[in-house]
Protein backbone atom coordinates (compact mmCIF):
# COMPACT_ATOMS: atom_id res chain seq x y z
CA MET A 1 63.46 104.13 150.06
CA ASN A 2 61.07 104.35 153.19
CA ASP A 3 57.64 104.66 151.62
CA SER A 4 56.99 107.59 153.88
CA LEU A 5 59.05 109.74 152.11
CA LYS A 6 57.82 108.58 148.75
CA ILE A 7 57.33 111.70 147.00
CA PRO A 8 53.49 112.32 145.90
CA ARG A 9 52.82 111.63 142.89
CA LYS A 10 49.66 114.32 142.93
CA LEU A 11 50.02 117.60 144.05
CA SER A 12 47.14 118.51 146.45
CA LYS A 13 44.90 120.82 145.44
CA ARG A 14 46.45 123.84 147.94
CA LYS A 15 49.58 123.14 146.64
CA TYR A 16 48.79 123.10 143.24
CA ALA A 17 47.25 126.23 143.80
CA LEU A 18 50.21 128.63 145.22
CA LEU A 19 53.00 126.42 142.74
CA THR A 20 50.79 127.49 139.90
CA GLY A 21 50.28 131.01 141.24
CA THR A 22 53.81 131.71 142.76
CA LEU A 23 55.07 130.30 138.84
CA LEU A 24 52.52 133.07 137.25
CA LEU A 25 53.41 135.94 139.07
CA THR A 26 56.98 134.90 138.56
CA SER A 27 57.07 135.03 135.22
CA ALA A 28 54.80 138.32 134.99
CA GLY A 29 56.81 139.87 137.53
CA LEU A 30 60.32 138.22 135.25
CA ILE A 31 58.52 140.32 132.46
CA THR A 32 58.08 142.99 134.41
CA ARG A 33 61.04 143.89 135.26
CA VAL A 34 63.02 142.90 132.25
CA LEU A 35 60.71 145.63 130.63
CA GLY A 36 61.62 148.17 133.26
CA PHE A 37 65.61 146.62 133.05
CA PHE A 38 65.21 148.56 129.77
CA TYR A 39 62.63 151.29 130.98
CA ARG A 40 65.73 151.98 133.53
CA ILE A 41 68.47 152.34 130.37
CA PHE A 42 66.14 154.32 128.51
CA LEU A 43 65.32 157.16 131.19
CA SER A 44 69.13 156.90 132.65
CA ARG A 45 70.70 158.11 128.98
CA THR A 46 67.72 160.52 128.84
CA ILE A 47 67.50 162.58 132.49
CA GLY A 48 70.32 160.77 134.09
CA ALA A 49 71.57 159.75 137.42
CA GLU A 50 70.86 163.21 138.69
CA GLY A 51 66.92 162.98 136.35
CA LEU A 52 66.66 159.27 138.13
CA GLY A 53 67.84 160.55 142.24
CA ILE A 54 64.78 163.52 141.81
CA PHE A 55 62.13 160.87 140.90
CA ASN A 56 63.09 158.55 143.12
CA LEU A 57 62.86 161.25 145.46
CA ILE A 58 59.59 161.69 145.07
CA HIS A 59 58.37 157.96 145.50
CA PRO A 60 58.60 158.42 149.74
CA VAL A 61 55.27 160.36 149.30
CA PHE A 62 53.70 157.98 146.98
CA GLY A 63 54.83 155.21 149.50
CA ILE A 64 53.07 157.31 152.12
CA CYS A 65 49.98 157.84 150.96
CA PHE A 66 49.86 154.13 148.86
CA ALA A 67 50.55 152.71 152.87
CA LEU A 68 47.89 154.31 154.23
CA CYS A 69 45.35 153.96 151.52
CA ALA A 70 45.77 151.08 149.39
CA GLY A 71 48.52 148.39 150.42
CA SER A 72 47.06 147.50 153.90
CA ILE A 73 43.40 147.81 152.68
CA GLN A 74 44.77 145.43 150.01
CA THR A 75 46.23 143.02 152.60
CA ALA A 76 43.24 142.60 154.46
CA ILE A 77 41.01 142.28 151.56
CA SER A 78 42.90 138.98 150.74
CA GLN A 79 43.31 137.73 154.86
CA SER A 80 39.75 138.08 154.69
CA VAL A 81 38.34 137.42 151.15
CA ALA A 82 40.99 133.63 152.05
CA ALA A 83 39.08 132.88 155.17
CA ASN A 84 35.37 133.17 154.01
CA VAL A 85 35.27 133.63 150.32
CA LYS A 86 31.00 133.99 150.25
CA LYS A 87 31.61 137.36 151.96
CA GLY A 88 33.94 138.13 149.18
CA ARG A 89 33.01 139.98 147.13
CA SER A 90 31.18 141.91 149.92
CA VAL A 91 33.93 142.52 151.98
CA PHE A 92 36.14 144.01 148.76
CA ARG A 93 33.88 146.33 147.67
CA SER A 94 33.68 148.37 151.38
CA GLY A 95 37.03 147.49 151.27
CA LEU A 96 37.52 149.87 147.59
CA ILE A 97 35.25 152.63 149.44
CA ILE A 98 37.70 152.71 152.06
CA SER A 99 40.61 152.83 149.51
CA VAL A 100 39.36 155.62 147.30
CA ALA A 101 37.93 157.69 149.94
CA ILE A 102 41.02 158.19 151.89
CA SER A 103 42.67 158.43 148.51
CA MET A 104 40.87 160.99 147.18
CA ILE A 105 41.89 163.00 150.59
CA LEU A 106 44.61 162.13 149.98
CA ALA A 107 45.47 163.18 146.22
CA TYR A 108 43.81 166.52 147.35
CA LEU A 109 46.29 167.37 150.54
CA ILE A 110 49.51 166.63 148.09
CA ILE A 111 48.25 169.23 145.64
CA GLN A 112 47.35 172.19 147.66
CA PHE A 113 50.59 171.81 149.67
CA LYS A 114 53.24 170.66 146.76
CA ASP A 115 54.91 173.83 147.63
CA PHE A 116 55.49 173.34 151.28
CA ILE A 117 55.74 169.60 151.19
CA ALA A 118 58.61 169.71 147.77
CA SER A 119 60.47 172.66 150.11
CA SER A 120 59.56 171.68 153.78
CA ILE A 121 59.79 167.98 153.32
CA LEU A 122 61.62 167.02 150.38
CA MET A 123 64.33 170.05 150.68
CA GLU A 124 64.27 169.64 146.94
CA PRO A 125 61.76 173.11 145.28
CA ARG A 126 62.19 171.06 141.53
CA CYS A 127 59.91 167.99 142.85
CA ALA A 128 56.94 170.39 143.16
CA PRO A 129 55.42 170.25 139.83
CA LEU A 130 55.56 166.20 139.45
CA LEU A 131 53.72 165.79 143.02
CA THR A 132 50.85 166.93 140.93
CA PHE A 133 51.01 163.95 138.78
CA LEU A 134 51.95 161.89 141.37
CA ALA A 135 49.23 163.02 143.48
CA VAL A 136 46.58 162.51 140.88
CA SER A 137 48.12 158.38 140.54
CA VAL A 138 47.25 157.59 144.56
CA PRO A 139 43.07 157.17 143.62
CA CYS A 140 44.20 155.04 140.78
CA ALA A 141 46.93 153.01 142.22
CA ALA A 142 43.95 151.90 145.65
CA ILE A 143 41.85 150.81 142.97
CA HIS A 144 43.67 148.22 141.94
CA ALA A 145 45.41 147.87 144.62
CA CYS A 146 41.91 146.48 146.47
CA ILE A 147 41.04 144.74 143.20
CA ASN A 148 44.37 142.56 142.69
CA GLY A 149 43.60 141.56 146.21
CA TYR A 150 40.44 140.34 146.15
CA TYR A 151 41.31 137.70 143.47
CA TYR A 152 44.51 137.31 145.87
CA GLY A 153 41.89 136.13 148.53
CA MET A 154 40.68 134.14 145.71
CA GLN A 155 44.11 132.66 144.43
CA ARG A 156 43.43 133.79 141.02
CA PRO A 157 46.64 135.23 140.74
CA SER A 158 46.01 135.75 137.04
CA VAL A 159 44.41 139.29 136.98
CA PRO A 160 46.95 140.92 139.13
CA ALA A 161 50.08 139.40 136.87
CA LEU A 162 48.72 140.04 133.19
CA ALA A 163 47.89 143.63 135.07
CA GLN A 164 51.54 143.85 135.99
CA ILE A 165 52.65 143.39 132.51
CA MET A 166 49.85 145.80 130.73
CA GLU A 167 50.83 148.63 132.83
CA GLN A 168 54.72 148.43 132.42
CA ILE A 169 54.38 147.76 128.62
CA ILE A 170 52.00 151.09 128.64
CA ARG A 171 54.23 153.03 130.33
CA ILE A 172 56.96 152.34 129.44
CA GLY A 173 55.04 152.62 125.61
CA ALA A 174 53.83 155.87 125.77
CA VAL A 175 57.20 157.52 127.71
CA PHE A 176 59.03 156.64 124.74
CA LEU A 177 56.45 158.22 122.11
CA ILE A 178 56.52 161.09 124.31
CA ALA A 179 60.44 161.02 124.48
CA ASP A 180 60.77 161.38 120.52
CA ILE A 181 57.63 163.56 119.78
CA MET A 182 59.63 165.81 122.39
CA ILE A 183 63.15 165.45 120.41
CA GLN A 184 61.62 165.86 117.48
CA SER A 185 59.18 168.89 118.74
CA GLY A 186 63.08 169.55 120.27
CA ILE A 187 61.53 170.28 123.52
CA THR A 188 64.46 169.70 126.63
CA ILE A 189 63.38 165.80 127.89
CA THR A 190 63.71 165.93 132.12
CA VAL A 191 62.59 163.97 135.13
CA GLN A 192 58.60 165.05 134.33
CA LEU A 193 58.86 162.14 131.19
CA ALA A 194 59.47 159.55 134.43
CA VAL A 195 56.89 160.94 136.22
CA MET A 196 54.34 161.16 133.13
CA GLY A 197 54.82 158.09 132.64
CA HIS A 198 54.03 156.74 136.76
CA LEU A 199 50.86 157.84 136.62
CA ILE A 200 50.05 157.01 132.44
CA GLY A 201 51.29 153.29 134.29
CA GLU A 202 48.75 153.61 137.25
CA ILE A 203 45.94 154.94 134.94
CA ALA A 204 46.88 151.64 132.55
CA SER A 205 46.13 149.04 135.35
CA SER A 206 43.09 150.09 137.17
CA LEU A 207 41.74 151.08 133.55
CA PHE A 208 42.47 147.21 133.12
CA THR A 209 41.13 145.41 136.50
CA VAL A 210 37.95 147.49 136.57
CA PHE A 211 37.34 145.63 133.13
CA ALA A 212 38.58 142.62 134.85
CA TYR A 213 36.29 142.35 137.33
CA ARG A 214 33.50 143.73 135.70
CA PHE A 215 33.87 141.08 133.07
CA PHE A 216 35.41 137.82 134.21
CA PRO A 217 34.35 137.75 137.52
CA PRO A 218 36.30 135.13 139.87
CA LYS A 219 33.89 132.06 139.43
CA MET A 220 33.68 130.79 142.92
CA ALA A 221 32.14 134.50 143.98
CA LYS A 222 28.26 135.17 143.51
CA ASP A 223 26.78 138.49 142.21
CA PHE A 224 24.67 140.32 143.98
CA ALA A 225 22.77 143.39 145.59
CA TYR A 226 25.59 145.40 146.93
CA ASP A 227 23.81 147.83 149.78
CA SER A 228 24.48 149.52 152.73
CA SER A 229 24.05 146.71 155.16
CA HIS A 230 26.95 144.92 153.90
CA PHE A 231 29.26 148.01 154.47
CA SER A 232 28.20 148.34 158.24
CA GLU A 233 28.78 144.35 158.05
CA THR A 234 32.54 143.91 156.49
CA ALA A 235 33.94 147.37 157.32
CA PRO A 236 34.54 146.75 160.62
CA GLY A 237 35.85 143.48 160.33
CA LEU A 238 38.36 144.90 157.43
CA LEU A 239 39.05 147.74 159.36
CA HIS A 240 40.31 145.32 162.41
CA LEU A 241 42.47 143.79 160.56
CA ALA A 242 43.22 147.27 158.07
CA VAL A 243 44.17 149.87 160.51
CA PRO A 244 47.34 147.64 162.30
CA LEU A 245 48.59 147.35 159.24
CA MET A 246 47.95 150.77 157.88
CA GLY A 247 49.63 152.44 160.89
CA ASN A 248 52.50 149.63 161.04
CA ARG A 249 53.22 150.31 157.16
CA LEU A 250 52.61 154.31 157.94
CA VAL A 251 55.45 153.98 160.68
CA LEU A 252 58.26 152.25 157.89
CA ASN A 253 57.09 154.82 154.69
CA ILE A 254 58.10 157.73 156.83
CA LEU A 255 61.08 155.89 158.44
CA ALA A 256 62.01 155.22 155.06
CA SER A 257 60.75 158.35 153.65
CA ALA A 258 63.52 159.84 156.15
CA GLU A 259 66.13 157.39 155.13
CA ALA A 260 65.88 158.62 151.06
CA ILE A 261 65.80 162.55 151.66
CA LEU A 262 68.76 162.33 154.12
CA ILE A 263 70.99 160.28 151.53
CA PRO A 264 71.11 163.43 149.22
CA SER A 265 71.77 165.65 151.98
CA ARG A 266 74.36 163.37 154.12
CA LEU A 267 75.62 162.85 150.79
CA GLN A 268 76.27 167.05 150.80
CA MET A 269 77.42 166.84 154.55
CA SER A 270 80.43 164.28 153.26
CA GLY A 271 82.04 166.59 150.51
CA LEU A 272 80.28 166.02 147.62
CA SER A 273 77.89 169.18 145.57
CA ASP A 274 73.81 168.89 145.69
CA SER A 275 73.84 167.79 141.61
CA ALA A 276 76.64 164.91 142.78
CA ALA A 277 74.28 163.63 145.77
CA PHE A 278 71.68 163.09 143.52
CA SER A 279 73.43 161.83 141.03
CA VAL A 280 75.50 159.23 143.86
CA TYR A 281 71.65 158.72 144.70
CA GLY A 282 70.21 158.10 141.40
CA VAL A 283 73.18 155.32 140.42
CA LEU A 284 72.49 153.34 144.20
CA THR A 285 68.16 153.49 143.72
CA GLY A 286 67.83 153.46 140.35
CA MET A 287 70.79 151.23 138.65
CA ALA A 288 72.61 148.74 141.24
CA LEU A 289 69.20 148.08 143.42
CA PRO A 290 67.03 147.53 140.71
CA PHE A 291 69.55 145.06 139.32
CA ILE A 292 69.73 142.98 143.72
CA LEU A 293 66.52 143.56 144.01
CA PHE A 294 65.73 141.03 140.12
CA PRO A 295 65.74 137.39 141.90
CA SER A 296 63.33 138.84 143.99
CA THR A 297 60.66 138.54 141.75
CA VAL A 298 60.23 135.08 142.87
CA PHE A 299 59.74 135.72 146.78
CA ASN A 300 57.93 139.04 146.49
CA SER A 301 55.63 136.45 144.39
CA LEU A 302 55.61 133.64 146.43
CA ALA A 303 55.32 135.98 149.73
CA VAL A 304 51.73 137.67 148.59
CA LEU A 305 50.92 134.43 148.24
CA LEU A 306 52.01 132.92 151.23
CA LEU A 307 49.83 135.41 153.09
CA PRO A 308 46.23 134.41 152.60
CA THR A 309 47.89 130.02 152.23
CA VAL A 310 48.99 130.13 156.05
CA ALA A 311 45.83 132.58 156.69
CA GLU A 312 43.63 129.49 155.93
CA ALA A 313 45.96 126.87 157.56
CA GLN A 314 46.31 128.91 160.97
CA SER A 315 42.30 129.55 161.05
CA GLU A 316 42.07 125.01 160.13
CA GLY A 317 44.71 124.26 162.30
CA ASN A 318 46.79 123.26 160.00
CA GLU A 319 49.89 123.45 162.47
CA LYS A 320 52.32 121.27 159.94
CA ARG A 321 51.22 122.81 156.69
CA ILE A 322 52.55 126.02 158.01
CA GLY A 323 56.01 124.25 159.10
CA THR A 324 56.18 122.99 155.56
CA ALA A 325 55.67 126.49 154.07
CA ILE A 326 58.08 128.10 156.29
CA SER A 327 60.50 125.44 155.41
CA MET A 328 60.41 125.37 152.40
CA SER A 329 60.47 129.30 151.39
CA LEU A 330 64.00 128.51 153.69
CA ARG A 331 65.47 126.42 151.27
CA TYR A 332 65.00 128.92 147.66
CA CYS A 333 65.78 132.55 149.71
CA MET A 334 68.97 129.97 150.74
CA TYR A 335 69.62 128.58 147.30
CA VAL A 336 68.65 131.27 145.67
CA GLY A 337 70.74 134.23 147.52
CA ILE A 338 73.62 132.23 147.61
CA LEU A 339 74.09 132.22 142.88
CA CYS A 340 73.04 136.18 143.76
CA ILE A 341 76.20 136.61 146.21
CA GLY A 342 78.14 134.87 143.01
CA ILE A 343 76.93 136.05 139.93
CA PHE A 344 76.70 139.85 142.01
CA THR A 345 80.41 140.16 142.93
CA LEU A 346 82.06 138.17 139.96
CA PHE A 347 79.99 140.56 137.06
CA GLY A 348 78.52 143.92 139.35
CA ASN A 349 80.93 145.62 137.34
CA ASP A 350 80.73 144.37 134.10
CA LEU A 351 76.76 144.93 134.65
CA GLY A 352 76.89 148.59 135.20
CA VAL A 353 79.48 149.14 132.86
CA SER A 354 77.24 147.50 129.96
CA VAL A 355 73.93 148.80 131.38
CA PHE A 356 74.37 152.22 132.86
CA LYS A 357 77.97 153.20 131.43
CA ASP A 358 78.60 153.94 135.15
CA SER A 359 81.49 151.83 136.97
CA SER A 360 80.29 153.33 140.29
CA ALA A 361 76.81 151.53 139.41
CA GLY A 362 78.92 147.70 139.56
CA GLN A 363 80.49 149.10 142.42
CA TYR A 364 77.47 149.16 144.83
CA MET A 365 76.14 146.29 143.08
CA THR A 366 79.13 143.66 144.44
CA VAL A 367 78.31 144.75 147.98
CA LEU A 368 75.13 144.84 147.75
CA ALA A 369 75.08 141.57 146.48
CA TRP A 370 75.77 140.19 149.85
CA LEU A 371 71.70 141.09 150.75
CA CYS A 372 69.89 138.76 148.44
CA PRO A 373 70.08 135.85 151.13
CA PHE A 374 68.63 137.67 153.10
CA LEU A 375 66.46 140.12 151.70
CA TYR A 376 64.34 137.30 150.54
CA MET A 377 64.30 135.42 153.34
CA ALA A 378 63.08 138.94 154.91
CA THR A 379 60.19 139.42 152.65
CA THR A 380 58.88 135.58 152.71
CA MET A 381 59.32 135.50 157.11
CA GLY A 382 56.91 138.69 156.86
CA SER A 383 54.76 137.36 154.93
CA ILE A 384 53.86 134.55 157.01
CA LEU A 385 54.78 136.52 160.39
CA ASN A 386 50.98 138.16 158.95
CA GLY A 387 49.74 135.77 157.43
CA LEU A 388 49.76 134.16 161.11
CA GLY A 389 48.15 137.86 162.21
CA LYS A 390 51.40 138.17 164.15
CA THR A 391 51.58 142.25 162.10
CA SER A 392 52.65 144.20 165.41
CA ILE A 393 56.05 142.10 165.54
CA THR A 394 56.75 142.70 161.97
CA PHE A 395 56.35 145.38 162.30
CA THR A 396 58.50 146.51 165.67
CA GLN A 397 61.37 144.06 164.11
CA ASN A 398 61.01 146.21 160.92
CA VAL A 399 61.04 149.35 162.31
CA ILE A 400 64.43 148.08 164.78
CA ALA A 401 66.10 146.97 161.25
CA MET A 402 64.96 150.33 159.90
CA THR A 403 66.04 152.65 162.87
CA LEU A 404 70.05 150.51 161.70
CA ARG A 405 69.48 151.83 159.27
CA LEU A 406 68.94 155.33 159.28
CA LEU A 407 71.50 155.86 162.00
CA PHE A 408 74.23 154.33 159.07
CA VAL A 409 72.90 157.26 157.15
CA LEU A 410 72.74 159.59 159.79
CA PHE A 411 76.34 159.36 161.28
CA GLY A 412 78.02 157.78 158.60
CA ILE A 413 77.50 158.69 155.37
CA PRO A 414 78.38 162.46 156.47
CA ARG A 415 82.31 160.29 157.02
CA LEU A 416 82.49 157.64 154.89
CA GLY A 417 80.08 158.65 152.27
CA ILE A 418 77.22 156.13 150.18
CA PHE A 419 80.06 152.84 151.35
CA ALA A 420 78.47 153.93 154.75
CA TYR A 421 75.21 153.06 153.21
CA LEU A 422 75.34 149.90 151.71
CA VAL A 423 77.30 148.77 154.70
CA GLY A 424 73.52 149.73 156.56
CA ALA A 425 71.67 147.67 154.77
CA LEU A 426 72.81 145.04 154.74
CA ALA A 427 73.36 144.87 158.31
CA SER A 428 69.66 146.22 159.04
CA GLU A 429 68.98 143.21 156.62
CA LEU A 430 71.24 140.58 158.38
CA LEU A 431 69.26 141.49 161.37
CA LEU A 432 65.58 141.39 160.28
CA ALA A 433 65.64 138.44 158.57
CA PHE A 434 67.11 136.41 161.89
CA MET A 435 64.48 138.33 163.88
CA HIS A 436 61.64 136.62 161.78
CA VAL A 437 63.42 133.33 161.06
CA LEU A 438 63.73 133.01 165.36
CA THR A 439 59.96 134.51 165.99
CA LEU A 440 58.29 131.54 163.56
CA LYS A 441 60.71 129.46 165.36
CA LYS A 442 59.16 130.21 168.25
CA MET A 443 56.08 130.00 167.20
CA VAL A 444 56.05 127.02 164.75
CA ASP A 445 57.95 123.78 164.45
CA PHE A 446 59.34 124.10 160.76
CA VAL A 447 63.03 122.11 160.10
CA TRP A 448 65.90 123.96 159.37
CA ASN A 449 68.95 122.85 159.11
CA ALA A 450 71.88 124.84 158.53
CA TRP A 451 73.97 122.53 156.38
CA ASP A 452 71.40 121.56 153.51
CA MET A 453 70.55 125.74 153.53
CA ILE A 454 73.53 127.20 154.00
CA ALA A 455 77.25 125.81 153.99
CA LYS A 456 75.64 122.56 151.14
CA PRO A 457 74.37 125.69 148.57
CA SER A 458 77.90 127.78 149.48
CA ALA A 459 79.51 125.07 148.88
CA LEU A 460 78.74 124.02 145.86
CA MET A 461 78.47 127.91 144.85
CA ILE A 462 82.19 127.70 144.92
CA LEU A 463 82.29 124.58 143.48
CA ALA A 464 80.70 126.22 140.72
CA ILE A 465 82.95 129.17 140.38
CA GLY A 466 86.26 126.85 140.53
CA ILE A 467 84.14 124.96 136.89
CA TYR A 468 83.40 128.31 135.34
CA TYR A 469 87.11 129.69 135.62
CA ALA A 470 88.48 125.93 134.58
CA ALA A 471 87.02 126.28 131.57
CA PHE A 472 87.26 129.77 130.62
CA SER A 473 90.89 130.13 131.90
CA PHE A 474 92.59 129.57 128.81
CA MET A 475 89.82 131.44 126.43
CA ASP A 476 86.85 132.97 125.90
CA PRO A 477 85.04 132.43 123.15
CA PHE A 478 82.04 134.86 123.75
CA GLY A 479 85.97 137.56 123.22
CA GLY A 480 84.26 139.37 120.53
CA LEU A 481 80.82 140.37 121.54
CA PRO A 482 78.94 143.16 123.53
CA LEU A 483 80.30 143.72 127.42
CA PHE A 484 76.30 143.09 128.21
CA ILE A 485 75.70 139.84 125.92
CA LYS A 486 79.34 138.23 126.78
CA THR A 487 78.38 139.11 130.64
CA ALA A 488 75.06 137.75 129.99
CA LEU A 489 76.39 134.36 128.73
CA HIS A 490 79.18 133.96 131.32
CA ILE A 491 76.28 134.52 134.04
CA LEU A 492 74.25 131.75 132.68
CA ILE A 493 77.07 129.56 132.49
CA LEU A 494 77.95 130.23 135.91
CA SER A 495 74.09 129.92 137.00
CA VAL A 496 73.98 126.36 134.80
CA PHE A 497 77.29 125.46 136.36
CA TYR A 498 74.94 125.91 140.09
CA LEU A 499 72.20 124.04 139.71
CA VAL A 500 73.50 121.10 137.92
CA LEU A 501 75.39 120.75 141.45
CA LEU A 502 73.00 121.54 143.22
CA PHE A 503 70.01 119.19 142.07
CA GLY A 504 72.86 116.30 141.38
CA ALA A 505 73.60 117.10 145.24
CA HIS A 506 69.66 117.07 145.70
CA ILE A 507 69.18 113.59 143.75
CA MET A 508 72.27 111.99 145.89
CA LYS A 509 70.59 113.38 148.88
CA HIS A 510 66.70 111.26 148.15
CA GLY A 511 69.11 108.23 146.70
CA GLU A 512 70.97 107.47 150.10
CA GLU A 513 67.65 107.93 151.40
């Protein structure tokens, strides 16, 4: 083997930080998603598909508020801290002041105009009392988003990771307890239970991150007295980064909100009743999509950590490091995405029936399965573009993709029903992923091998499916088990076949070199 191609025995400090950080956030994300599955199963069986649809209808309001007061400022804090660690704490505190101030204003406006928002914007009056709980959660979300951004910038993801787990555990525990009390008291469980769970989770996460920041600050950060001069020094630069992101995310969230609000009304235009439309929307957003998004835990974690890593590499002029990050991300997005296509197309129906007792959830999964590679690519490539400071390009491309999906909602759903949305989602993610990749290719030199990244894993997935069917063609040893356990074991075996083949092909390639 050529010496220049040998793998170094030790990872560099930066690569080690990226790897361990990704693994930590991924582990936390997986734990959170697994807990979330049980939580969604519980909600689907207590508030029903229609209740899930109403609950998901108010999420756009929270998304818009988060874009204005938290998400963009978190990203700006992360980038600024990564670029200048010495001013990290000063940057964080300035960002926190700005974020909390905006969040308090937004919370007041939601409470003051909840009836108008529910009836005239969401077009569902039943959402009005739920918006009060949502409003109180906004400042909590702002606090823990800013603290998380600070820790991401310092490349210390342990606190955000633990906060994810803490938030989910307390939310689920509180909802189970409240539901048990309501059942024993003879009180009917409604969608309000889910909104209370959302609020309790946000409060728990904010309290945990505040506690961690106060008593376990990053070792690299030195505390100092904070006064107005620090705010005047750091706030302009922070706002310079945050405001374009804020505008971008606001527009994207408005488009997403329009989509969420229009889907139930367009389903009614296709011939469904009000209740049936919300039920279909609830099955799609509360049952099918969570399964499809489950593997994205890995890539969401990687994307969060890639942003400050790429920003740091750019400030150092290290284009090779950026190219390596892009190539690595693309390769693993395709590997996992192709595996997910195989899993959801083969087992989607069984998952829908065994988990949610709803066959339509499985049907949606089999169509949405083809989203996976492009969804994961768009997530990671978009984060790299943002890390390179190309937020306007990322924004424009996201708007184009979301507009395409919105057109399917507006004109496709009344004629073809929810199937039009599924096709539109696939088309928009495919377009977005390729726009991101082509843009990066013009900016940075990175390796793109269609055989290694697409053809080879696809062929190995087909081969793995063939081996799977050959192995179970005569007898299924799991036939007597409950459907969910049986399906999980079949998925595990198929995944092992695919990963072994992939690993073997990798070994053979490097052996030839």
